[in-house]
Amino acid sequence: MHEFKDYDTIQLRIGDIFHTLWVADTDAKRQRGLRGVSKLSKGNGMIFAYNTPVSHPFTMRGVLFPIRMIFLDDAHQVVHSETCYPGREESVTPDTEYMFVIEIGA
């Protein structure tokens, strides 16, 4: 099981639900992501934070449950949102740069 004890968390309202998001703000944390997590409780997830706008592809590699990926720009506006399922081979890359990606259970 993935351990998040060395991660900061933030609270964020998405729709009608307040989520506790683990902050992946280093290369190592971003690369690990939600790999190894068997499931997410409702209201939990992860936010990937970058210092400057990026356009890296995101994959479902090692993620065992459906997730919603929400990409935000530097003004915190949604630039792309997509539901992804385990076993997905192709990556998700929005058409525009982003600074944050939120992953929550779908």
Protein backbone atom coordinates (compact mmCIF):
# COMPACT_ATOMS: atom_id res chain seq x y z
CA MET A 1 0.00 0.00 0.00
CA HIS A 2 1.18 3.49 -0.84
CA GLU A 3 2.22 5.55 2.17
CA PHE A 4 1.36 9.24 2.16
CA LYS A 5 2.80 10.15 5.59
CA ASP A 6 5.43 12.46 4.05
CA TYR A 7 2.91 14.29 1.83
CA ASP A 8 1.25 17.60 2.66
CA THR A 9 -2.50 17.71 2.15
CA ILE A 10 -4.93 20.38 1.07
CA GLN A 11 -8.71 20.58 1.30
CA LEU A 12 -10.51 21.46 -1.91
CA ARG A 13 -14.17 21.55 -2.82
CA ILE A 14 -14.91 19.85 -6.13
CA GLY A 15 -18.60 19.99 -6.95
CA ASP A 16 -20.49 19.26 -3.74
CA ILE A 17 -17.71 17.24 -2.10
CA PHE A 18 -14.77 18.48 -0.03
CA HIS A 19 -11.70 16.44 -0.96
CA THR A 20 -8.51 15.84 0.96
CA LEU A 21 -5.76 15.82 -1.65
CA TRP A 22 -2.22 14.58 -1.13
CA VAL A 23 0.18 17.10 -2.68
CA ALA A 24 2.65 15.66 -5.19
CA ASP A 25 5.05 18.60 -5.50
CA THR A 26 8.38 16.89 -6.17
CA ASP A 27 9.51 14.86 -9.16
CA ALA A 28 9.60 11.67 -7.07
CA LYS A 29 6.07 12.18 -5.71
CA ARG A 30 4.69 13.11 -9.13
CA GLN A 31 6.28 10.04 -10.75
CA ARG A 32 4.86 7.73 -8.10
CA GLY A 33 1.40 9.30 -8.17
CA LEU A 34 -1.37 6.92 -7.13
CA ARG A 35 0.53 3.78 -8.18
CA GLY A 36 0.10 1.01 -5.65
CA VAL A 37 -3.07 2.44 -4.12
CA SER A 38 -5.77 -0.24 -4.20
CA LYS A 39 -8.67 2.22 -3.93
CA LEU A 40 -9.50 5.79 -2.97
CA SER A 41 -12.06 6.61 -0.33
CA LYS A 42 -14.68 9.11 -1.43
CA GLY A 43 -13.28 12.57 -0.87
CA ASN A 44 -9.61 11.58 -1.22
CA GLY A 45 -7.25 12.16 -4.12
CA MET A 46 -4.00 13.71 -5.24
CA ILE A 47 -2.98 17.05 -6.69
CA PHE A 48 0.13 17.28 -8.84
CA ALA A 49 1.64 20.76 -8.55
CA TYR A 50 4.25 22.28 -10.84
CA ASN A 51 6.23 25.52 -10.46
CA THR A 52 5.72 26.57 -14.08
CA PRO A 53 3.24 25.57 -16.79
CA VAL A 54 3.95 22.12 -18.27
CA SER A 55 2.51 19.80 -20.90
CA HIS A 56 3.65 16.37 -19.68
CA PRO A 57 1.48 13.38 -20.61
CA PHE A 58 -0.31 11.55 -17.78
CA THR A 59 -0.84 7.79 -17.82
CA MET A 60 -2.87 5.22 -15.92
CA ARG A 61 0.21 3.03 -15.39
CA GLY A 62 -0.18 1.21 -12.08
CA VAL A 63 -3.52 2.83 -11.20
CA LEU A 64 -6.01 0.12 -10.24
CA PHE A 65 -9.32 2.03 -10.25
CA PRO A 66 -11.12 4.62 -12.40
CA ILE A 67 -10.04 8.20 -11.82
CA ARG A 68 -11.06 11.64 -12.96
CA MET A 69 -8.12 13.78 -14.14
CA ILE A 70 -8.74 17.51 -13.89
CA PHE A 71 -6.08 19.78 -15.42
CA LEU A 72 -5.88 23.42 -14.23
CA ASP A 73 -3.93 26.36 -15.59
CA ASP A 74 -2.01 28.97 -13.57
CA ALA A 75 -5.27 30.89 -12.96
CA HIS A 76 -6.85 27.71 -11.51
CA GLN A 77 -9.20 27.35 -14.48
CA VAL A 78 -10.03 23.88 -15.80
CA VAL A 79 -8.33 23.36 -19.17
CA HIS A 80 -9.15 19.64 -19.53
CA SER A 81 -11.02 16.96 -17.61
CA GLU A 82 -11.26 13.27 -18.42
CA THR A 83 -12.35 10.02 -16.77
CA CYS A 84 -9.77 7.25 -17.20
CA TYR A 85 -9.95 3.53 -16.50
CA PRO A 86 -7.37 0.90 -15.47
CA GLY A 87 -5.60 -0.68 -18.40
CA ARG A 88 -5.72 2.46 -20.52
CA GLU A 89 -2.71 2.36 -22.81
CA GLU A 90 -2.66 5.89 -24.24
CA SER A 91 -1.64 8.90 -22.21
CA VAL A 92 -3.70 12.01 -21.50
CA THR A 93 -2.18 15.27 -22.71
CA PRO A 94 -4.33 18.42 -22.81
CA ASP A 95 -4.04 20.77 -25.79
CA THR A 96 -2.83 23.57 -23.49
CA GLU A 97 -0.24 23.82 -20.73
CA TYR A 98 -1.29 23.34 -17.11
CA MET A 99 0.15 23.81 -13.62
CA PHE A 100 -2.01 21.43 -11.58
CA VAL A 101 -3.60 18.04 -12.11
CA ILE A 102 -6.17 16.69 -9.68
CA GLU A 103 -6.87 12.96 -9.58
CA ILE A 104 -9.96 11.78 -7.74
CA GLY A 105 -11.99 8.58 -7.88
CA ALA A 106 -14.41 8.45 -10.79
